[in-house]
Amino acid sequence: MSKYKAVFKRYEKKYIVTSSQKEKLVETMLDYMTPDEYGQSTICNIYFDTPDFRIIRSSIEKPLFKEKLRLRSYGVPERDSNVFVELKKKYKGVVYKRRIHMSYVDSLEYLLKGVCPEKANPQVLNEINYFLSVYPGIRPAVSLFYDRTAYYGKTDRELRITFDSNIRFRNKNLDLSKGSDGSSLLDEEKSIMEIKCIGSMPLWLSAELDRMEIFPTSFSKYGSAYRIMMSEPDDKPSEETKEVAIKEVVNI
């Protein structure tokens, strides 16, 4: 697992794209970018929050600084599968991410029972422990899943573009080992595109986005799920409820 980075600092911008826009954009991207070696993967997450949802309520108010804690696996995990505990912070548009990896069962022992992992980056572990102390009573709040395809730059591997589709969530039976089913969060013909880079966006990409009239948005997967959960806590949102919730989170 040593090939995985523990610390990130980069700019991240989100866009909502249709299937047609995605197809046309990827055609251009392939001149400059290469598909990730893992192809399409299912990303499984548990987002943690306080009983009164203090973390997400603060985040959707769009403050200068916000943070979140999640448990992430690539694919549905088994007991001994490697997963990541990630602390993500954003300040003035810059994203800072810290993460440690361990087995799925050890991650639950750590986050739910306070049993610290024996082998972990001590600096990152200290930051996560501090976060946990700031938010007493933190617990699993929602599970989020999506199918991701990723690309990285041929000459700049720090440039990454990801497309997340089939976004779904559940606020019951949050155990990731129980599968990745859930209620749909976004129209199946749309994807969330994220552009991640260390510095400025390359000119070819900026020009292509302008030409296709693809504009940034502040879409939050957890934020959208939270809105729906508060509106229809039975976890079976209507199409009307989903549309209202998404418009409240996305700048459109």
C-alpha atoms as a PDB file:
ATOM      1  CA  MET A   1       0.000   0.000   0.000  1.00  0.00           C
ATOM      2  CA  SER A   2       3.037   2.275   0.084  1.00  0.00           C
ATOM      3  CA  LYS A   3       2.266   3.572  -3.419  1.00  0.00           C
ATOM      4  CA  TYR A   4      -0.730   5.470  -2.093  1.00  0.00           C
ATOM      5  CA  LYS A   5      -0.190   9.086  -1.096  1.00  0.00           C
ATOM      6  CA  ALA A   6      -1.098  10.077   2.452  1.00  0.00           C
ATOM      7  CA  VAL A   7      -1.147  13.849   1.971  1.00  0.00           C
ATOM      8  CA  PHE A   8      -2.677  15.941  -0.820  1.00  0.00           C
ATOM      9  CA  LYS A   9      -2.856  19.658  -1.526  1.00  0.00           C
ATOM     10  CA  ARG A  10      -4.577  20.660  -4.751  1.00  0.00           C
ATOM     11  CA  TYR A  11      -7.366  22.561  -6.441  1.00  0.00           C
ATOM     12  CA  GLU A  12     -10.560  20.674  -7.186  1.00  0.00           C
ATOM     13  CA  LYS A  13     -13.428  21.896  -9.340  1.00  0.00           C
ATOM     14  CA  LYS A  14     -16.734  20.116  -9.920  1.00  0.00           C
ATOM     15  CA  TYR A  15     -19.036  20.134 -12.930  1.00  0.00           C
ATOM     16  CA  ILE A  16     -22.281  18.391 -13.808  1.00  0.00           C
ATOM     17  CA  VAL A  17     -22.087  16.945 -17.324  1.00  0.00           C
ATOM     18  CA  THR A  18     -24.535  15.037 -19.487  1.00  0.00           C
ATOM     19  CA  SER A  19     -23.665  11.722 -21.125  1.00  0.00           C
ATOM     20  CA  SER A  20     -23.261  13.514 -24.449  1.00  0.00           C
ATOM     21  CA  GLN A  21     -20.960  16.168 -22.997  1.00  0.00           C
ATOM     22  CA  LYS A  22     -18.870  13.528 -21.269  1.00  0.00           C
ATOM     23  CA  GLU A  23     -18.459  11.510 -24.471  1.00  0.00           C
ATOM     24  CA  LYS A  24     -17.355  14.542 -26.502  1.00  0.00           C
ATOM     25  CA  LEU A  25     -15.036  15.810 -23.797  1.00  0.00           C
ATOM     26  CA  VAL A  26     -13.322  12.439 -23.373  1.00  0.00           C
ATOM     27  CA  GLU A  27     -12.605  12.361 -27.128  1.00  0.00           C
ATOM     28  CA  THR A  28     -10.534  15.532 -26.721  1.00  0.00           C
ATOM     29  CA  MET A  29      -9.048  14.473 -23.381  1.00  0.00           C
ATOM     30  CA  LEU A  30      -7.498  11.326 -24.823  1.00  0.00           C
ATOM     31  CA  ASP A  31      -4.996  13.466 -26.765  1.00  0.00           C
ATOM     32  CA  TYR A  32      -3.662  14.750 -23.441  1.00  0.00           C
ATOM     33  CA  MET A  33      -4.710  12.233 -20.800  1.00  0.00           C
ATOM     34  CA  THR A  34      -4.614   8.493 -20.137  1.00  0.00           C
ATOM     35  CA  PRO A  35      -7.329   6.354 -18.512  1.00  0.00           C
ATOM     36  CA  ASP A  36      -6.526   5.219 -14.992  1.00  0.00           C
ATOM     37  CA  GLU A  37      -5.074   1.698 -14.883  1.00  0.00           C
ATOM     38  CA  TYR A  38      -8.001   0.411 -12.800  1.00  0.00           C
ATOM     39  CA  GLY A  39     -10.636   1.476 -15.336  1.00  0.00           C
ATOM     40  CA  GLN A  40     -14.093   1.989 -13.854  1.00  0.00           C
ATOM     41  CA  SER A  41     -14.355   1.310 -10.135  1.00  0.00           C
ATOM     42  CA  THR A  42     -17.127   1.519  -7.553  1.00  0.00           C
ATOM     43  CA  ILE A  43     -16.276   3.973  -4.772  1.00  0.00           C
ATOM     44  CA  CYS A  44     -17.902   3.163  -1.421  1.00  0.00           C
ATOM     45  CA  ASN A  45     -17.954   5.736   1.383  1.00  0.00           C
ATOM     46  CA  ILE A  46     -19.247   6.204   4.897  1.00  0.00           C
ATOM     47  CA  TYR A  47     -19.460   9.866   5.918  1.00  0.00           C
ATOM     48  CA  PHE A  48     -19.200  10.555   9.635  1.00  0.00           C
ATOM     49  CA  ASP A  49     -21.051  13.304  11.457  1.00  0.00           C
ATOM     50  CA  THR A  50     -22.406  14.286  14.861  1.00  0.00           C
ATOM     51  CA  PRO A  51     -25.931  13.221  15.890  1.00  0.00           C
ATOM     52  CA  ASP A  52     -27.222  16.697  14.962  1.00  0.00           C
ATOM     53  CA  PHE A  53     -25.349  16.707  11.603  1.00  0.00           C
ATOM     54  CA  ARG A  54     -23.171  19.602  12.703  1.00  0.00           C
ATOM     55  CA  ILE A  55     -20.475  18.975  10.100  1.00  0.00           C
ATOM     56  CA  ILE A  56     -22.672  18.881   6.994  1.00  0.00           C
ATOM     57  CA  ARG A  57     -24.914  21.710   8.221  1.00  0.00           C
ATOM     58  CA  SER A  58     -21.834  23.908   8.475  1.00  0.00           C
ATOM     59  CA  SER A  59     -20.502  22.753   5.104  1.00  0.00           C
ATOM     60  CA  ILE A  60     -23.630  23.582   3.071  1.00  0.00           C
ATOM     61  CA  GLU A  61     -23.511  27.147   4.383  1.00  0.00           C
ATOM     62  CA  LYS A  62     -20.404  27.490   2.169  1.00  0.00           C
ATOM     63  CA  PRO A  63     -17.910  28.827   4.736  1.00  0.00           C
ATOM     64  CA  LEU A  64     -14.320  29.739   3.810  1.00  0.00           C
ATOM     65  CA  PHE A  65     -13.155  26.681   5.736  1.00  0.00           C
ATOM     66  CA  LYS A  66     -14.880  23.325   5.900  1.00  0.00           C
ATOM     67  CA  GLU A  67     -13.895  19.766   6.715  1.00  0.00           C
ATOM     68  CA  LYS A  68     -15.270  16.249   6.594  1.00  0.00           C
ATOM     69  CA  LEU A  69     -14.309  12.737   7.638  1.00  0.00           C
ATOM     70  CA  ARG A  70     -15.071   9.637   5.615  1.00  0.00           C
ATOM     71  CA  LEU A  71     -14.188   5.986   5.324  1.00  0.00           C
ATOM     72  CA  ARG A  72     -13.548   4.953   1.721  1.00  0.00           C
ATOM     73  CA  SER A  73     -13.111   1.656  -0.062  1.00  0.00           C
ATOM     74  CA  TYR A  74     -12.601   0.852  -3.708  1.00  0.00           C
ATOM     75  CA  GLY A  75     -15.215  -1.788  -4.276  1.00  0.00           C
ATOM     76  CA  VAL A  76     -17.396  -3.465  -1.659  1.00  0.00           C
ATOM     77  CA  PRO A  77     -14.985  -4.359   1.170  1.00  0.00           C
ATOM     78  CA  GLU A  78     -14.613  -7.585   3.075  1.00  0.00           C
ATOM     79  CA  ARG A  79     -13.351  -7.812   6.634  1.00  0.00           C
ATOM     80  CA  ASP A  80      -9.663  -7.726   5.654  1.00  0.00           C
ATOM     81  CA  SER A  81      -9.946  -5.407   2.632  1.00  0.00           C
ATOM     82  CA  ASN A  82      -7.748  -2.313   2.626  1.00  0.00           C
ATOM     83  CA  VAL A  83      -9.693   0.918   3.095  1.00  0.00           C
ATOM     84  CA  PHE A  84      -8.865   4.569   3.724  1.00  0.00           C
ATOM     85  CA  VAL A  85      -9.827   6.841   6.585  1.00  0.00           C
ATOM     86  CA  GLU A  86      -9.743  10.310   5.034  1.00  0.00           C
ATOM     87  CA  LEU A  87      -9.834  13.771   6.547  1.00  0.00           C
ATOM     88  CA  LYS A  88     -10.640  16.354   3.898  1.00  0.00           C
ATOM     89  CA  LYS A  89     -10.378  20.103   4.440  1.00  0.00           C
ATOM     90  CA  LYS A  90     -11.049  22.983   2.082  1.00  0.00           C
ATOM     91  CA  TYR A  91      -9.917  26.561   2.590  1.00  0.00           C
ATOM     92  CA  LYS A  92     -10.361  29.334   0.033  1.00  0.00           C
ATOM     93  CA  GLY A  93     -10.710  26.860  -2.800  1.00  0.00           C
ATOM     94  CA  VAL A  94      -7.675  24.736  -1.904  1.00  0.00           C
ATOM     95  CA  VAL A  95      -8.298  21.135  -0.866  1.00  0.00           C
ATOM     96  CA  TYR A  96      -6.118  19.461   1.746  1.00  0.00           C
ATOM     97  CA  LYS A  97      -6.563  15.724   2.238  1.00  0.00           C
ATOM     98  CA  ARG A  98      -4.994  13.441   4.817  1.00  0.00           C
ATOM     99  CA  ARG A  99      -5.521   9.698   4.783  1.00  0.00           C
ATOM    100  CA  ILE A 100      -4.383   6.504   6.446  1.00  0.00           C
ATOM    101  CA  HIS A 101      -5.052   2.962   5.306  1.00  0.00           C
ATOM    102  CA  MET A 102      -5.900  -0.173   7.241  1.00  0.00           C
ATOM    103  CA  SER A 103      -8.219  -3.151   7.039  1.00  0.00           C
ATOM    104  CA  TYR A 104     -11.957  -2.541   7.012  1.00  0.00           C
ATOM    105  CA  VAL A 105     -12.449  -4.189  10.393  1.00  0.00           C
ATOM    106  CA  ASP A 106      -9.597  -2.146  11.920  1.00  0.00           C
ATOM    107  CA  SER A 107     -11.072   1.075  10.526  1.00  0.00           C
ATOM    108  CA  LEU A 108     -14.354   0.369  12.319  1.00  0.00           C
ATOM    109  CA  GLU A 109     -12.527  -0.460  15.532  1.00  0.00           C
ATOM    110  CA  TYR A 110     -10.716   2.868  15.229  1.00  0.00           C
ATOM    111  CA  LEU A 111     -13.611   5.130  14.296  1.00  0.00           C
ATOM    112  CA  LEU A 112     -16.324   3.493  16.393  1.00  0.00           C
ATOM    113  CA  LYS A 113     -14.354   2.284  19.421  1.00  0.00           C
ATOM    114  CA  GLY A 114     -11.260   4.485  19.496  1.00  0.00           C
ATOM    115  CA  VAL A 115      -8.763   1.662  18.943  1.00  0.00           C
ATOM    116  CA  CYS A 116      -5.873   3.383  17.158  1.00  0.00           C
ATOM    117  CA  PRO A 117      -4.170   1.442  14.358  1.00  0.00           C
ATOM    118  CA  GLU A 118      -0.680   0.201  15.141  1.00  0.00           C
ATOM    119  CA  LYS A 119       0.790   1.211  11.796  1.00  0.00           C
ATOM    120  CA  ALA A 120      -0.214   4.607  10.477  1.00  0.00           C
ATOM    121  CA  ASN A 121       1.393   7.895   9.525  1.00  0.00           C
ATOM    122  CA  PRO A 122       1.678   9.517  12.992  1.00  0.00           C
ATOM    123  CA  GLN A 123       1.171  13.074  11.743  1.00  0.00           C
ATOM    124  CA  VAL A 124      -1.992  12.160   9.831  1.00  0.00           C
ATOM    125  CA  LEU A 125      -3.255  10.017  12.696  1.00  0.00           C
ATOM    126  CA  ASN A 126      -2.796  12.937  15.106  1.00  0.00           C
ATOM    127  CA  GLU A 127      -4.783  15.229  12.798  1.00  0.00           C
ATOM    128  CA  ILE A 128      -7.644  12.741  12.541  1.00  0.00           C
ATOM    129  CA  ASN A 129      -7.618  12.161  16.297  1.00  0.00           C
ATOM    130  CA  TYR A 130      -7.849  15.905  16.865  1.00  0.00           C
ATOM    131  CA  PHE A 131     -10.806  16.114  14.487  1.00  0.00           C
ATOM    132  CA  LEU A 132     -12.539  13.337  16.416  1.00  0.00           C
ATOM    133  CA  SER A 133     -11.987  15.216  19.668  1.00  0.00           C
ATOM    134  CA  VAL A 134     -13.529  18.390  18.217  1.00  0.00           C
ATOM    135  CA  TYR A 135     -16.709  16.556  17.211  1.00  0.00           C
ATOM    136  CA  PRO A 136     -17.746  14.388  20.185  1.00  0.00           C
ATOM    137  CA  GLY A 137     -20.298  11.698  19.458  1.00  0.00           C
ATOM    138  CA  ILE A 138     -19.296  11.440  15.822  1.00  0.00           C
ATOM    139  CA  ARG A 139     -20.782   8.368  14.112  1.00  0.00           C
ATOM    140  CA  PRO A 140     -21.652   7.008  10.647  1.00  0.00           C
ATOM    141  CA  ALA A 141     -24.247   9.281   9.053  1.00  0.00           C
ATOM    142  CA  VAL A 142     -24.706   8.132   5.462  1.00  0.00           C
ATOM    143  CA  SER A 143     -23.220   5.694   2.973  1.00  0.00           C
ATOM    144  CA  LEU A 144     -22.526   6.993  -0.532  1.00  0.00           C
ATOM    145  CA  PHE A 145     -21.625   5.009  -3.641  1.00  0.00           C
ATOM    146  CA  TYR A 146     -20.773   5.861  -7.232  1.00  0.00           C
ATOM    147  CA  ASP A 147     -19.105   4.396 -10.291  1.00  0.00           C
ATOM    148  CA  ARG A 148     -15.947   6.289 -11.215  1.00  0.00           C
ATOM    149  CA  THR A 149     -13.811   6.489 -14.316  1.00  0.00           C
ATOM    150  CA  ALA A 150     -10.558   8.398 -13.931  1.00  0.00           C
ATOM    151  CA  TYR A 151      -7.916   9.911 -16.202  1.00  0.00           C
ATOM    152  CA  TYR A 152      -4.507  11.459 -15.533  1.00  0.00           C
ATOM    153  CA  GLY A 153      -2.302  13.744 -17.623  1.00  0.00           C
ATOM    154  CA  LYS A 154       0.249  12.217 -19.984  1.00  0.00           C
ATOM    155  CA  THR A 155       2.821  14.897 -19.153  1.00  0.00           C
ATOM    156  CA  ASP A 156       1.448  15.954 -15.775  1.00  0.00           C
ATOM    157  CA  ARG A 157       0.319  13.042 -13.634  1.00  0.00           C
ATOM    158  CA  GLU A 158      -0.912  15.472 -10.974  1.00  0.00           C
ATOM    159  CA  LEU A 159      -3.682  16.503 -13.369  1.00  0.00           C
ATOM    160  CA  ARG A 160      -6.628  14.179 -12.827  1.00  0.00           C
ATOM    161  CA  ILE A 161     -10.170  14.176 -14.163  1.00  0.00           C
ATOM    162  CA  THR A 162     -12.796  11.850 -12.730  1.00  0.00           C
ATOM    163  CA  PHE A 163     -16.386  11.134 -13.741  1.00  0.00           C
ATOM    164  CA  ASP A 164     -18.770   9.848 -11.060  1.00  0.00           C
ATOM    165  CA  SER A 165     -22.033   8.322 -12.278  1.00  0.00           C
ATOM    166  CA  ASN A 166     -24.848   6.230 -10.803  1.00  0.00           C
ATOM    167  CA  ILE A 167     -24.542   8.152  -7.520  1.00  0.00           C
ATOM    168  CA  ARG A 168     -26.582   6.571  -4.759  1.00  0.00           C
ATOM    169  CA  PHE A 169     -26.896   6.687  -0.984  1.00  0.00           C
ATOM    170  CA  ARG A 170     -28.508   5.078   2.011  1.00  0.00           C
ATOM    171  CA  ASN A 171     -28.932   6.220   5.602  1.00  0.00           C
ATOM    172  CA  LYS A 172     -29.790   2.784   6.956  1.00  0.00           C
ATOM    173  CA  ASN A 173     -27.651  -0.367   7.082  1.00  0.00           C
ATOM    174  CA  LEU A 174     -24.498   1.732   6.600  1.00  0.00           C
ATOM    175  CA  ASP A 175     -22.079  -1.224   6.669  1.00  0.00           C
ATOM    176  CA  LEU A 176     -20.174  -1.093   3.362  1.00  0.00           C
ATOM    177  CA  SER A 177     -19.713  -4.865   3.324  1.00  0.00           C
ATOM    178  CA  LYS A 178     -23.483  -5.217   2.782  1.00  0.00           C
ATOM    179  CA  GLY A 179     -23.230  -4.016  -0.808  1.00  0.00           C
ATOM    180  CA  SER A 180     -23.441  -0.764  -2.740  1.00  0.00           C
ATOM    181  CA  ASP A 181     -27.167  -0.444  -3.322  1.00  0.00           C
ATOM    182  CA  GLY A 182     -28.998   2.758  -2.418  1.00  0.00           C
ATOM    183  CA  SER A 183     -31.390   5.468  -3.547  1.00  0.00           C
ATOM    184  CA  SER A 184     -30.394   7.373  -6.672  1.00  0.00           C
ATOM    185  CA  LEU A 185     -29.054  10.865  -6.053  1.00  0.00           C
ATOM    186  CA  LEU A 186     -28.658  12.210  -9.585  1.00  0.00           C
ATOM    187  CA  ASP A 187     -30.250  11.677 -12.991  1.00  0.00           C
ATOM    188  CA  GLU A 188     -28.712   8.591 -14.606  1.00  0.00           C
ATOM    189  CA  GLU A 189     -27.853  10.625 -17.723  1.00  0.00           C
ATOM    190  CA  LYS A 190     -25.626  12.961 -15.703  1.00  0.00           C
ATOM    191  CA  SER A 191     -22.231  12.611 -14.042  1.00  0.00           C
ATOM    192  CA  ILE A 192     -20.191  14.655 -11.613  1.00  0.00           C
ATOM    193  CA  MET A 193     -16.891  15.592 -13.225  1.00  0.00           C
ATOM    194  CA  GLU A 194     -14.020  16.690 -10.992  1.00  0.00           C
ATOM    195  CA  ILE A 195     -10.853  18.347 -12.250  1.00  0.00           C
ATOM    196  CA  LYS A 196      -7.964  18.042  -9.805  1.00  0.00           C
ATOM    197  CA  CYS A 197      -4.677  19.850 -10.299  1.00  0.00           C
ATOM    198  CA  ILE A 198      -1.798  21.359  -8.369  1.00  0.00           C
ATOM    199  CA  GLY A 199      -1.727  24.666 -10.214  1.00  0.00           C
ATOM    200  CA  SER A 200      -3.727  26.270 -12.980  1.00  0.00           C
ATOM    201  CA  MET A 201      -5.857  24.313 -15.418  1.00  0.00           C
ATOM    202  CA  PRO A 202      -4.148  23.617 -18.784  1.00  0.00           C
ATOM    203  CA  LEU A 203      -5.228  25.909 -21.603  1.00  0.00           C
ATOM    204  CA  TRP A 204      -6.564  23.121 -23.820  1.00  0.00           C
ATOM    205  CA  LEU A 205      -8.909  21.999 -21.067  1.00  0.00           C
ATOM    206  CA  SER A 206     -10.089  25.490 -20.191  1.00  0.00           C
ATOM    207  CA  ALA A 207     -10.773  26.218 -23.855  1.00  0.00           C
ATOM    208  CA  GLU A 208     -12.712  22.970 -24.309  1.00  0.00           C
ATOM    209  CA  LEU A 209     -14.893  23.655 -21.270  1.00  0.00           C
ATOM    210  CA  ASP A 210     -15.656  27.137 -22.569  1.00  0.00           C
ATOM    211  CA  ARG A 211     -16.469  25.831 -26.025  1.00  0.00           C
ATOM    212  CA  MET A 212     -18.855  23.226 -24.609  1.00  0.00           C
ATOM    213  CA  GLU A 213     -20.338  25.693 -22.106  1.00  0.00           C
ATOM    214  CA  ILE A 214     -19.522  23.475 -19.131  1.00  0.00           C
ATOM    215  CA  PHE A 215     -19.378  25.592 -15.986  1.00  0.00           C
ATOM    216  CA  PRO A 216     -18.259  24.872 -12.392  1.00  0.00           C
ATOM    217  CA  THR A 217     -20.766  23.985  -9.693  1.00  0.00           C
ATOM    218  CA  SER A 218     -20.554  23.440  -5.948  1.00  0.00           C
ATOM    219  CA  PHE A 219     -22.408  20.120  -5.953  1.00  0.00           C
ATOM    220  CA  SER A 220     -21.969  18.128  -2.737  1.00  0.00           C
ATOM    221  CA  LYS A 221     -22.876  14.438  -2.718  1.00  0.00           C
ATOM    222  CA  TYR A 222     -23.221  14.295   1.054  1.00  0.00           C
ATOM    223  CA  GLY A 223     -24.951  17.676   1.106  1.00  0.00           C
ATOM    224  CA  SER A 224     -27.542  16.523  -1.427  1.00  0.00           C
ATOM    225  CA  ALA A 225     -28.107  13.269   0.445  1.00  0.00           C
ATOM    226  CA  TYR A 226     -28.531  15.187   3.716  1.00  0.00           C
ATOM    227  CA  ARG A 227     -31.190  17.447   2.194  1.00  0.00           C
ATOM    228  CA  ILE A 228     -33.115  14.427   0.983  1.00  0.00           C
ATOM    229  CA  MET A 229     -32.749  12.608   4.290  1.00  0.00           C
ATOM    230  CA  MET A 230     -34.172  15.589   6.126  1.00  0.00           C
ATOM    231  CA  SER A 231     -37.086  15.839   3.694  1.00  0.00           C
ATOM    232  CA  GLU A 232     -37.923  12.156   3.465  1.00  0.00           C
ATOM    233  CA  PRO A 233     -36.195  10.204   6.245  1.00  0.00           C
ATOM    234  CA  ASP A 234     -37.569   6.880   5.019  1.00  0.00           C
ATOM    235  CA  ASP A 235     -34.691   6.885   2.472  1.00  0.00           C
ATOM    236  CA  LYS A 236     -37.097   6.580  -0.470  1.00  0.00           C
ATOM    237  CA  PRO A 237     -36.986  10.056  -2.003  1.00  0.00           C
ATOM    238  CA  SER A 238     -39.414  11.088  -4.708  1.00  0.00           C
ATOM    239  CA  GLU A 239     -38.117  12.581  -7.944  1.00  0.00           C
ATOM    240  CA  GLU A 240     -39.525  15.966  -6.905  1.00  0.00           C
ATOM    241  CA  THR A 241     -37.722  15.858  -3.554  1.00  0.00           C
ATOM    242  CA  LYS A 242     -34.434  14.938  -5.237  1.00  0.00           C
ATOM    243  CA  GLU A 243     -34.746  17.799  -7.719  1.00  0.00           C
ATOM    244  CA  VAL A 244     -35.424  20.357  -4.976  1.00  0.00           C
ATOM    245  CA  ALA A 245     -32.583  19.037  -2.820  1.00  0.00           C
ATOM    246  CA  ILE A 246     -30.076  19.152  -5.657  1.00  0.00           C
ATOM    247  CA  LYS A 247     -31.049  22.710  -6.659  1.00  0.00           C
ATOM    248  CA  GLU A 248     -30.498  23.820  -3.069  1.00  0.00           C
ATOM    249  CA  VAL A 249     -26.948  22.485  -3.123  1.00  0.00           C
ATOM    250  CA  VAL A 250     -25.893  23.279  -6.683  1.00  0.00           C
ATOM    251  CA  ASN A 251     -25.261  26.843  -7.790  1.00  0.00           C
ATOM    252  CA  ILE A 252     -27.580  27.031 -10.816  1.00  0.00           C
END
